[in-house]
Amino acid sequence: MRNIFILFFLAAVSFSCISNKKIVYLQNLPENEPIELDTFIPYAKMEKQYILQPFDYVDIDFAATDEELIKGFEFQGARGARGGGANRMGMMGGGDMFFFTGYGIDKDGFIEVPKLGKIKIGGLTEEQAKIVVQEAINDYFKEEVLVRLRIAGVRFTTLGEFQNVGNHVLLRDRVTIFEAVAAAGEPSLLGKRHKMFIIRQYDEGTKLHQVNLNDRALLASPFYFIQNNDILYLEPMKIRQYGRADNLLGVVQIVTGLVVTTLLFVNLFSN
């Protein structure tokens, strides 16, 4: 009976513990060349810049020495709304901050700019789209009018074992995968950090990628920087079916106590 109790206790302890190797980020894994501290790690070459897609929103600003020239190129109230509550409302919901004030790309890749009409920018990078709009307004004016075109930072979605699942927006030109994880909240202990999925949109379709957050070699990976509209999915471990990480140990302790009590009574009455 004593041996049964010891075996059960050891099994319960091992069941309730999660190895540090599954939790710690940026480890030197045995199958990879070690990367020592203070080693310079060049960024991986990106496949391509982000391509503007249907249903994206872009902000377009026009600048000229005579402001009267450019007033007709903005929708009424758009400039005032940029600094007001419209952008904050979009950000609070994890949406596009230019939803209320920017130009939406339709299903065919066109935006509609007052006076200039429809301009196709879908399938282009930000810089290419800016050049297209600049050429369109140069044909309209003899005076010099400058164009600034941009998307609303990096928008991504998190699913699975993150603390905060949902849509997120970080207002910067590029975002690392660890910044995205931090924005979504530290994953639970039961998240498979070594098998995080990235669902990435391309101009011709979608691809499913997988990265290992435990691996230091990720710093040199082309997936170290996320892209706009990425979906990050952190799959739970199989142990997840027995409860959440914050209550699993408590459940195991209660069950262990009940079993130990039962074994003690059985042992007492069997003697």
C-alpha atoms as a PDB file:
ATOM      1  CA  MET A   1       0.000   0.000   0.000  1.00  0.00           C
ATOM      2  CA  ARG A   2       2.857   2.334   0.836  1.00  0.00           C
ATOM      3  CA  ASN A   3       4.448   1.692  -2.560  1.00  0.00           C
ATOM      4  CA  ILE A   4       1.147   2.492  -4.292  1.00  0.00           C
ATOM      5  CA  PHE A   5       0.930   5.793  -2.417  1.00  0.00           C
ATOM      6  CA  ILE A   6       4.507   6.738  -3.362  1.00  0.00           C
ATOM      7  CA  LEU A   7       3.933   5.909  -7.020  1.00  0.00           C
ATOM      8  CA  PHE A   8       0.724   7.919  -7.096  1.00  0.00           C
ATOM      9  CA  PHE A   9       2.390  10.885  -5.398  1.00  0.00           C
ATOM     10  CA  LEU A  10       5.271  10.911  -7.877  1.00  0.00           C
ATOM     11  CA  ALA A  11       2.863  10.634 -10.805  1.00  0.00           C
ATOM     12  CA  ALA A  12       0.775  13.538  -9.489  1.00  0.00           C
ATOM     13  CA  VAL A  13       3.844  15.749  -8.999  1.00  0.00           C
ATOM     14  CA  SER A  14       5.174  15.015 -12.486  1.00  0.00           C
ATOM     15  CA  PHE A  15       1.719  15.562 -13.996  1.00  0.00           C
ATOM     16  CA  SER A  16       1.347  18.976 -12.389  1.00  0.00           C
ATOM     17  CA  CYS A  17       4.791  20.296 -13.389  1.00  0.00           C
ATOM     18  CA  ILE A  18       5.662  21.941 -16.725  1.00  0.00           C
ATOM     19  CA  SER A  19       9.291  21.887 -17.816  1.00  0.00           C
ATOM     20  CA  ASN A  20      11.130  25.215 -17.975  1.00  0.00           C
ATOM     21  CA  LYS A  21      12.312  24.197 -21.436  1.00  0.00           C
ATOM     22  CA  LYS A  22       8.755  24.718 -22.660  1.00  0.00           C
ATOM     23  CA  ILE A  23       8.447  28.169 -21.073  1.00  0.00           C
ATOM     24  CA  VAL A  24      11.788  29.996 -21.344  1.00  0.00           C
ATOM     25  CA  TYR A  25      12.232  32.202 -24.410  1.00  0.00           C
ATOM     26  CA  LEU A  26      15.336  32.464 -26.617  1.00  0.00           C
ATOM     27  CA  GLN A  27      17.146  29.276 -25.627  1.00  0.00           C
ATOM     28  CA  ASN A  28      20.137  27.859 -27.468  1.00  0.00           C
ATOM     29  CA  LEU A  29      18.549  24.647 -28.668  1.00  0.00           C
ATOM     30  CA  PRO A  30      20.815  21.600 -29.190  1.00  0.00           C
ATOM     31  CA  GLU A  31      19.988  21.227 -32.889  1.00  0.00           C
ATOM     32  CA  ASN A  32      21.101  24.803 -33.705  1.00  0.00           C
ATOM     33  CA  GLU A  33      24.436  26.597 -33.730  1.00  0.00           C
ATOM     34  CA  PRO A  34      24.742  28.370 -30.334  1.00  0.00           C
ATOM     35  CA  ILE A  35      24.282  32.140 -30.346  1.00  0.00           C
ATOM     36  CA  GLU A  36      26.278  33.639 -27.494  1.00  0.00           C
ATOM     37  CA  LEU A  37      25.482  36.855 -25.643  1.00  0.00           C
ATOM     38  CA  ASP A  38      26.541  40.095 -27.380  1.00  0.00           C
ATOM     39  CA  THR A  39      26.698  38.303 -30.745  1.00  0.00           C
ATOM     40  CA  PHE A  40      25.591  40.525 -33.613  1.00  0.00           C
ATOM     41  CA  ILE A  41      22.576  38.941 -35.330  1.00  0.00           C
ATOM     42  CA  PRO A  42      21.701  40.484 -38.711  1.00  0.00           C
ATOM     43  CA  TYR A  43      18.022  40.656 -39.602  1.00  0.00           C
ATOM     44  CA  ALA A  44      16.796  38.094 -42.078  1.00  0.00           C
ATOM     45  CA  LYS A  45      15.964  39.420 -45.510  1.00  0.00           C
ATOM     46  CA  MET A  46      12.252  40.020 -45.770  1.00  0.00           C
ATOM     47  CA  GLU A  47      10.477  38.320 -48.658  1.00  0.00           C
ATOM     48  CA  LYS A  48       8.705  41.548 -49.608  1.00  0.00           C
ATOM     49  CA  GLN A  49       7.234  44.692 -48.145  1.00  0.00           C
ATOM     50  CA  TYR A  50       3.632  44.702 -47.044  1.00  0.00           C
ATOM     51  CA  ILE A  51       1.268  44.808 -49.995  1.00  0.00           C
ATOM     52  CA  LEU A  52      -1.866  46.905 -49.676  1.00  0.00           C
ATOM     53  CA  GLN A  53      -4.933  44.704 -49.869  1.00  0.00           C
ATOM     54  CA  PRO A  54      -8.674  45.161 -50.422  1.00  0.00           C
ATOM     55  CA  PHE A  55     -10.434  46.485 -47.303  1.00  0.00           C
ATOM     56  CA  ASP A  56      -7.264  48.053 -45.900  1.00  0.00           C
ATOM     57  CA  TYR A  57      -7.478  51.722 -44.910  1.00  0.00           C
ATOM     58  CA  VAL A  58      -4.827  54.306 -45.717  1.00  0.00           C
ATOM     59  CA  ASP A  59      -4.369  57.877 -44.568  1.00  0.00           C
ATOM     60  CA  ILE A  60      -3.470  60.404 -47.250  1.00  0.00           C
ATOM     61  CA  ASP A  61      -2.282  63.913 -46.373  1.00  0.00           C
ATOM     62  CA  PHE A  62      -1.731  66.669 -48.892  1.00  0.00           C
ATOM     63  CA  ALA A  63       0.544  69.640 -48.223  1.00  0.00           C
ATOM     64  CA  ALA A  64       0.928  72.851 -50.223  1.00  0.00           C
ATOM     65  CA  THR A  65       1.984  76.421 -49.640  1.00  0.00           C
ATOM     66  CA  ASP A  66      -1.627  77.457 -50.286  1.00  0.00           C
ATOM     67  CA  GLU A  67      -3.939  75.405 -48.080  1.00  0.00           C
ATOM     68  CA  GLU A  68      -6.958  76.454 -50.107  1.00  0.00           C
ATOM     69  CA  LEU A  69      -5.638  74.314 -52.957  1.00  0.00           C
ATOM     70  CA  ILE A  70      -5.859  71.081 -51.029  1.00  0.00           C
ATOM     71  CA  LYS A  71      -9.089  71.518 -49.068  1.00  0.00           C
ATOM     72  CA  GLY A  72     -11.093  70.010 -51.906  1.00  0.00           C
ATOM     73  CA  PHE A  73      -9.105  66.761 -51.739  1.00  0.00           C
ATOM     74  CA  GLU A  74     -10.333  65.773 -48.285  1.00  0.00           C
ATOM     75  CA  PHE A  75     -13.724  64.534 -47.193  1.00  0.00           C
ATOM     76  CA  GLN A  76     -15.584  67.038 -45.055  1.00  0.00           C
ATOM     77  CA  GLY A  77     -14.524  66.833 -41.403  1.00  0.00           C
ATOM     78  CA  ALA A  78     -11.741  64.312 -42.010  1.00  0.00           C
ATOM     79  CA  ARG A  79      -8.889  66.581 -40.929  1.00  0.00           C
ATOM     80  CA  GLY A  80     -10.579  67.563 -37.657  1.00  0.00           C
ATOM     81  CA  ALA A  81     -11.503  63.959 -36.911  1.00  0.00           C
ATOM     82  CA  ARG A  82      -7.875  62.839 -37.199  1.00  0.00           C
ATOM     83  CA  GLY A  83      -6.995  64.596 -33.980  1.00  0.00           C
ATOM     84  CA  GLY A  84     -10.298  63.898 -32.272  1.00  0.00           C
ATOM     85  CA  GLY A  85     -12.096  60.906 -30.866  1.00  0.00           C
ATOM     86  CA  ALA A  86     -12.589  58.956 -34.093  1.00  0.00           C
ATOM     87  CA  ASN A  87      -9.066  57.555 -34.139  1.00  0.00           C
ATOM     88  CA  ARG A  88      -9.170  56.727 -30.448  1.00  0.00           C
ATOM     89  CA  MET A  89     -12.446  54.864 -30.917  1.00  0.00           C
ATOM     90  CA  GLY A  90     -10.881  52.744 -33.631  1.00  0.00           C
ATOM     91  CA  MET A  91      -7.822  52.026 -31.486  1.00  0.00           C
ATOM     92  CA  MET A  92      -9.824  51.033 -28.415  1.00  0.00           C
ATOM     93  CA  GLY A  93     -11.560  48.312 -30.392  1.00  0.00           C
ATOM     94  CA  GLY A  94      -8.323  47.096 -31.967  1.00  0.00           C
ATOM     95  CA  GLY A  95      -9.546  48.377 -35.315  1.00  0.00           C
ATOM     96  CA  ASP A  96      -7.976  50.545 -37.964  1.00  0.00           C
ATOM     97  CA  MET A  97      -7.439  54.076 -36.668  1.00  0.00           C
ATOM     98  CA  PHE A  98      -8.110  55.433 -40.166  1.00  0.00           C
ATOM     99  CA  PHE A  99     -11.506  53.722 -40.481  1.00  0.00           C
ATOM    100  CA  PHE A 100     -13.329  57.035 -39.933  1.00  0.00           C
ATOM    101  CA  THR A 101     -10.874  59.435 -41.548  1.00  0.00           C
ATOM    102  CA  GLY A 102      -8.929  57.522 -44.197  1.00  0.00           C
ATOM    103  CA  TYR A 103      -9.544  56.038 -47.597  1.00  0.00           C
ATOM    104  CA  GLY A 104     -10.818  52.478 -47.807  1.00  0.00           C
ATOM    105  CA  ILE A 105      -9.512  50.193 -50.535  1.00  0.00           C
ATOM    106  CA  ASP A 106     -12.425  48.481 -52.261  1.00  0.00           C
ATOM    107  CA  LYS A 107     -12.585  44.846 -53.394  1.00  0.00           C
ATOM    108  CA  ASP A 108     -10.998  45.772 -56.721  1.00  0.00           C
ATOM    109  CA  GLY A 109      -8.083  47.648 -55.107  1.00  0.00           C
ATOM    110  CA  PHE A 110      -9.299  51.222 -55.722  1.00  0.00           C
ATOM    111  CA  ILE A 111      -9.637  54.219 -53.430  1.00  0.00           C
ATOM    112  CA  GLU A 112     -11.773  57.226 -54.291  1.00  0.00           C
ATOM    113  CA  VAL A 113     -10.226  60.635 -53.709  1.00  0.00           C
ATOM    114  CA  PRO A 114     -12.326  63.801 -54.118  1.00  0.00           C
ATOM    115  CA  LYS A 115     -11.639  65.539 -57.453  1.00  0.00           C
ATOM    116  CA  LEU A 116      -9.096  62.855 -58.465  1.00  0.00           C
ATOM    117  CA  GLY A 117     -11.638  60.050 -58.703  1.00  0.00           C
ATOM    118  CA  LYS A 118     -10.740  56.377 -58.393  1.00  0.00           C
ATOM    119  CA  ILE A 119      -7.075  55.439 -58.048  1.00  0.00           C
ATOM    120  CA  LYS A 120      -5.857  51.851 -57.898  1.00  0.00           C
ATOM    121  CA  ILE A 121      -3.371  51.218 -55.082  1.00  0.00           C
ATOM    122  CA  GLY A 122      -4.290  47.629 -54.117  1.00  0.00           C
ATOM    123  CA  GLY A 123      -1.372  45.273 -54.787  1.00  0.00           C
ATOM    124  CA  LEU A 124       1.181  48.052 -54.212  1.00  0.00           C
ATOM    125  CA  THR A 125       3.522  48.849 -51.330  1.00  0.00           C
ATOM    126  CA  GLU A 126       3.023  52.054 -49.346  1.00  0.00           C
ATOM    127  CA  GLU A 127       5.779  53.804 -51.278  1.00  0.00           C
ATOM    128  CA  GLN A 128       4.437  52.682 -54.655  1.00  0.00           C
ATOM    129  CA  ALA A 129       0.916  53.795 -53.700  1.00  0.00           C
ATOM    130  CA  LYS A 130       2.243  57.189 -52.611  1.00  0.00           C
ATOM    131  CA  ILE A 131       3.912  57.659 -56.021  1.00  0.00           C
ATOM    132  CA  VAL A 132       0.680  56.752 -57.840  1.00  0.00           C
ATOM    133  CA  VAL A 133      -1.338  59.304 -55.839  1.00  0.00           C
ATOM    134  CA  GLN A 134       1.416  61.909 -56.251  1.00  0.00           C
ATOM    135  CA  GLU A 135       1.342  61.468 -60.035  1.00  0.00           C
ATOM    136  CA  ALA A 136      -2.469  61.772 -60.046  1.00  0.00           C
ATOM    137  CA  ILE A 137      -2.423  65.085 -58.168  1.00  0.00           C
ATOM    138  CA  ASN A 138       0.497  66.408 -60.238  1.00  0.00           C
ATOM    139  CA  ASP A 139      -1.702  66.008 -63.322  1.00  0.00           C
ATOM    140  CA  TYR A 140      -4.363  68.119 -61.592  1.00  0.00           C
ATOM    141  CA  PHE A 141      -2.198  71.007 -60.306  1.00  0.00           C
ATOM    142  CA  LYS A 142       0.642  73.038 -61.717  1.00  0.00           C
ATOM    143  CA  GLU A 143       1.650  74.065 -58.198  1.00  0.00           C
ATOM    144  CA  GLU A 144       3.665  71.621 -56.121  1.00  0.00           C
ATOM    145  CA  VAL A 145       1.512  69.530 -53.807  1.00  0.00           C
ATOM    146  CA  LEU A 146       3.206  66.935 -51.616  1.00  0.00           C
ATOM    147  CA  VAL A 147       1.558  63.631 -50.711  1.00  0.00           C
ATOM    148  CA  ARG A 148       2.012  61.501 -47.599  1.00  0.00           C
ATOM    149  CA  LEU A 149       0.395  58.052 -47.582  1.00  0.00           C
ATOM    150  CA  ARG A 150       0.543  55.572 -44.707  1.00  0.00           C
ATOM    151  CA  ILE A 151      -1.272  52.684 -43.079  1.00  0.00           C
ATOM    152  CA  ALA A 152      -2.297  52.733 -39.411  1.00  0.00           C
ATOM    153  CA  GLY A 153       0.692  51.009 -37.859  1.00  0.00           C
ATOM    154  CA  VAL A 154       0.732  47.223 -37.587  1.00  0.00           C
ATOM    155  CA  ARG A 155      -2.598  45.510 -36.958  1.00  0.00           C
ATOM    156  CA  PHE A 156      -2.636  41.861 -35.851  1.00  0.00           C
ATOM    157  CA  THR A 157      -4.883  39.329 -34.130  1.00  0.00           C
ATOM    158  CA  THR A 158      -4.071  36.904 -31.301  1.00  0.00           C
ATOM    159  CA  LEU A 159      -5.891  33.663 -30.525  1.00  0.00           C
ATOM    160  CA  GLY A 160      -5.375  30.787 -28.097  1.00  0.00           C
ATOM    161  CA  GLU A 161      -3.377  30.870 -24.879  1.00  0.00           C
ATOM    162  CA  PHE A 162      -2.679  34.630 -24.739  1.00  0.00           C
ATOM    163  CA  GLN A 163      -3.970  36.698 -21.831  1.00  0.00           C
ATOM    164  CA  ASN A 164      -5.648  39.168 -24.203  1.00  0.00           C
ATOM    165  CA  VAL A 165      -6.991  37.557 -27.355  1.00  0.00           C
ATOM    166  CA  GLY A 166      -8.452  39.747 -30.055  1.00  0.00           C
ATOM    167  CA  ASN A 167      -7.351  42.537 -32.396  1.00  0.00           C
ATOM    168  CA  HIS A 168      -4.360  44.748 -31.595  1.00  0.00           C
ATOM    169  CA  VAL A 169      -2.754  47.792 -33.231  1.00  0.00           C
ATOM    170  CA  LEU A 170       0.775  49.041 -32.544  1.00  0.00           C
ATOM    171  CA  LEU A 171       1.525  52.453 -34.019  1.00  0.00           C
ATOM    172  CA  ARG A 172       4.955  51.882 -35.495  1.00  0.00           C
ATOM    173  CA  ASP A 173       6.438  50.891 -38.838  1.00  0.00           C
ATOM    174  CA  ARG A 174       7.601  47.455 -37.725  1.00  0.00           C
ATOM    175  CA  VAL A 175       6.834  45.158 -34.791  1.00  0.00           C
ATOM    176  CA  THR A 176       8.836  42.163 -33.569  1.00  0.00           C
ATOM    177  CA  ILE A 177       7.078  38.960 -32.682  1.00  0.00           C
ATOM    178  CA  PHE A 178       7.997  39.440 -29.012  1.00  0.00           C
ATOM    179  CA  GLU A 179       6.505  42.937 -28.994  1.00  0.00           C
ATOM    180  CA  ALA A 180       3.317  41.421 -30.380  1.00  0.00           C
ATOM    181  CA  VAL A 181       3.333  38.719 -27.672  1.00  0.00           C
ATOM    182  CA  ALA A 182       3.878  41.374 -24.994  1.00  0.00           C
ATOM    183  CA  ALA A 183       0.992  43.463 -26.349  1.00  0.00           C
ATOM    184  CA  ALA A 184      -1.288  40.419 -26.180  1.00  0.00           C
ATOM    185  CA  GLY A 185      -0.221  39.569 -22.620  1.00  0.00           C
ATOM    186  CA  GLU A 186       2.184  36.885 -21.458  1.00  0.00           C
ATOM    187  CA  PRO A 187       0.866  33.488 -22.622  1.00  0.00           C
ATOM    188  CA  SER A 188      -0.380  31.031 -20.021  1.00  0.00           C
ATOM    189  CA  LEU A 189       1.925  28.245 -18.879  1.00  0.00           C
ATOM    190  CA  LEU A 190      -0.044  25.856 -21.055  1.00  0.00           C
ATOM    191  CA  GLY A 191       0.637  27.643 -24.345  1.00  0.00           C
ATOM    192  CA  LYS A 192       2.839  25.800 -26.832  1.00  0.00           C
ATOM    193  CA  ARG A 193       5.522  28.457 -27.198  1.00  0.00           C
ATOM    194  CA  HIS A 194       7.572  26.102 -29.347  1.00  0.00           C
ATOM    195  CA  LYS A 195       4.756  25.787 -31.905  1.00  0.00           C
ATOM    196  CA  MET A 196       3.155  29.176 -32.449  1.00  0.00           C
ATOM    197  CA  PHE A 197       1.255  29.523 -35.703  1.00  0.00           C
ATOM    198  CA  ILE A 198       1.399  32.634 -37.873  1.00  0.00           C
ATOM    199  CA  ILE A 199      -1.377  32.969 -40.428  1.00  0.00           C
ATOM    200  CA  ARG A 200      -0.076  35.484 -42.946  1.00  0.00           C
ATOM    201  CA  GLN A 201      -1.866  37.108 -45.861  1.00  0.00           C
ATOM    202  CA  TYR A 202      -0.121  37.568 -49.188  1.00  0.00           C
ATOM    203  CA  ASP A 203      -1.383  39.346 -52.285  1.00  0.00           C
ATOM    204  CA  GLU A 204      -2.145  35.974 -53.896  1.00  0.00           C
ATOM    205  CA  GLY A 205      -3.547  34.186 -50.823  1.00  0.00           C
ATOM    206  CA  THR A 206      -2.749  32.980 -47.297  1.00  0.00           C
ATOM    207  CA  LYS A 207       0.045  30.845 -45.824  1.00  0.00           C
ATOM    208  CA  LEU A 208       0.322  29.096 -42.459  1.00  0.00           C
ATOM    209  CA  HIS A 209       3.747  29.339 -40.783  1.00  0.00           C
ATOM    210  CA  GLN A 210       5.053  28.035 -37.456  1.00  0.00           C
ATOM    211  CA  VAL A 211       7.733  29.518 -35.183  1.00  0.00           C
ATOM    212  CA  ASN A 212       9.437  28.489 -31.946  1.00  0.00           C
ATOM    213  CA  LEU A 213       9.513  31.267 -29.331  1.00  0.00           C
ATOM    214  CA  ASN A 214      11.896  29.157 -27.229  1.00  0.00           C
ATOM    215  CA  ASP A 215      14.521  29.193 -29.974  1.00  0.00           C
ATOM    216  CA  ARG A 216      17.159  31.925 -30.015  1.00  0.00           C
ATOM    217  CA  ALA A 217      17.583  31.400 -33.754  1.00  0.00           C
ATOM    218  CA  LEU A 218      14.192  33.103 -34.181  1.00  0.00           C
ATOM    219  CA  LEU A 219      16.044  36.445 -33.964  1.00  0.00           C
ATOM    220  CA  ALA A 220      17.515  35.748 -37.414  1.00  0.00           C
ATOM    221  CA  SER A 221      14.265  34.384 -38.849  1.00  0.00           C
ATOM    222  CA  PRO A 222      12.172  36.180 -41.505  1.00  0.00           C
ATOM    223  CA  PHE A 223       9.289  35.838 -39.029  1.00  0.00           C
ATOM    224  CA  TYR A 224      11.022  37.870 -36.301  1.00  0.00           C
ATOM    225  CA  PHE A 225       9.014  40.854 -37.536  1.00  0.00           C
ATOM    226  CA  ILE A 226       5.272  40.372 -37.907  1.00  0.00           C
ATOM    227  CA  GLN A 227       3.309  41.930 -40.735  1.00  0.00           C
ATOM    228  CA  ASN A 228       0.063  43.794 -40.960  1.00  0.00           C
ATOM    229  CA  ASN A 229      -3.002  41.516 -40.644  1.00  0.00           C
ATOM    230  CA  ASP A 230      -1.011  38.593 -39.194  1.00  0.00           C
ATOM    231  CA  ILE A 231      -2.948  36.175 -36.985  1.00  0.00           C
ATOM    232  CA  LEU A 232      -0.944  34.635 -34.114  1.00  0.00           C
ATOM    233  CA  TYR A 233      -2.352  31.403 -32.700  1.00  0.00           C
ATOM    234  CA  LEU A 234      -0.863  29.781 -29.596  1.00  0.00           C
ATOM    235  CA  GLU A 235      -2.103  26.232 -29.306  1.00  0.00           C
ATOM    236  CA  PRO A 236      -2.708  24.780 -25.789  1.00  0.00           C
ATOM    237  CA  MET A 237      -0.883  21.727 -24.514  1.00  0.00           C
ATOM    238  CA  LYS A 238      -2.867  18.491 -24.178  1.00  0.00           C
ATOM    239  CA  ILE A 239      -2.885  18.999 -20.400  1.00  0.00           C
ATOM    240  CA  ARG A 240      -5.170  22.024 -21.063  1.00  0.00           C
ATOM    241  CA  GLN A 241      -8.231  19.729 -21.110  1.00  0.00           C
ATOM    242  CA  TYR A 242      -7.859  19.208 -17.358  1.00  0.00           C
ATOM    243  CA  GLY A 243      -8.042  22.896 -16.441  1.00  0.00           C
ATOM    244  CA  ARG A 244      -6.334  26.277 -16.693  1.00  0.00           C
ATOM    245  CA  ALA A 245      -2.724  26.794 -15.710  1.00  0.00           C
ATOM    246  CA  ASP A 246      -3.733  28.864 -12.676  1.00  0.00           C
ATOM    247  CA  ASN A 247      -6.028  26.228 -11.197  1.00  0.00           C
ATOM    248  CA  LEU A 248      -4.540  22.973 -12.466  1.00  0.00           C
ATOM    249  CA  LEU A 249      -2.125  22.521  -9.572  1.00  0.00           C
ATOM    250  CA  GLY A 250      -4.915  23.187  -7.087  1.00  0.00           C
ATOM    251  CA  VAL A 251      -7.070  20.527  -8.733  1.00  0.00           C
ATOM    252  CA  VAL A 252      -4.215  18.019  -8.630  1.00  0.00           C
ATOM    253  CA  GLN A 253      -3.605  18.778  -4.948  1.00  0.00           C
ATOM    254  CA  ILE A 254      -7.276  18.251  -4.064  1.00  0.00           C
ATOM    255  CA  VAL A 255      -7.443  14.974  -5.981  1.00  0.00           C
ATOM    256  CA  THR A 256      -4.181  13.825  -4.409  1.00  0.00           C
ATOM    257  CA  GLY A 257      -5.506  14.622  -0.936  1.00  0.00           C
ATOM    258  CA  LEU A 258      -8.720  12.682  -1.549  1.00  0.00           C
ATOM    259  CA  VAL A 259      -6.843   9.667  -2.888  1.00  0.00           C
ATOM    260  CA  VAL A 260      -4.342   9.716  -0.010  1.00  0.00           C
ATOM    261  CA  THR A 261      -7.188   9.916   2.517  1.00  0.00           C
ATOM    262  CA  THR A 262      -8.949   7.012   0.821  1.00  0.00           C
ATOM    263  CA  LEU A 263      -5.770   4.925   0.808  1.00  0.00           C
ATOM    264  CA  LEU A 264      -5.197   5.655   4.491  1.00  0.00           C
ATOM    265  CA  PHE A 265      -8.715   4.480   5.393  1.00  0.00           C
ATOM    266  CA  VAL A 266      -8.332   1.363   3.246  1.00  0.00           C
ATOM    267  CA  ASN A 267      -5.002   0.614   4.836  1.00  0.00           C
ATOM    268  CA  LEU A 268      -6.419   1.204   8.351  1.00  0.00           C
ATOM    269  CA  PHE A 269      -9.424  -1.079   7.952  1.00  0.00           C
ATOM    270  CA  SER A 270      -7.518  -3.756   6.058  1.00  0.00           C
ATOM    271  CA  ASN A 271      -5.303  -4.239   9.092  1.00  0.00           C
END
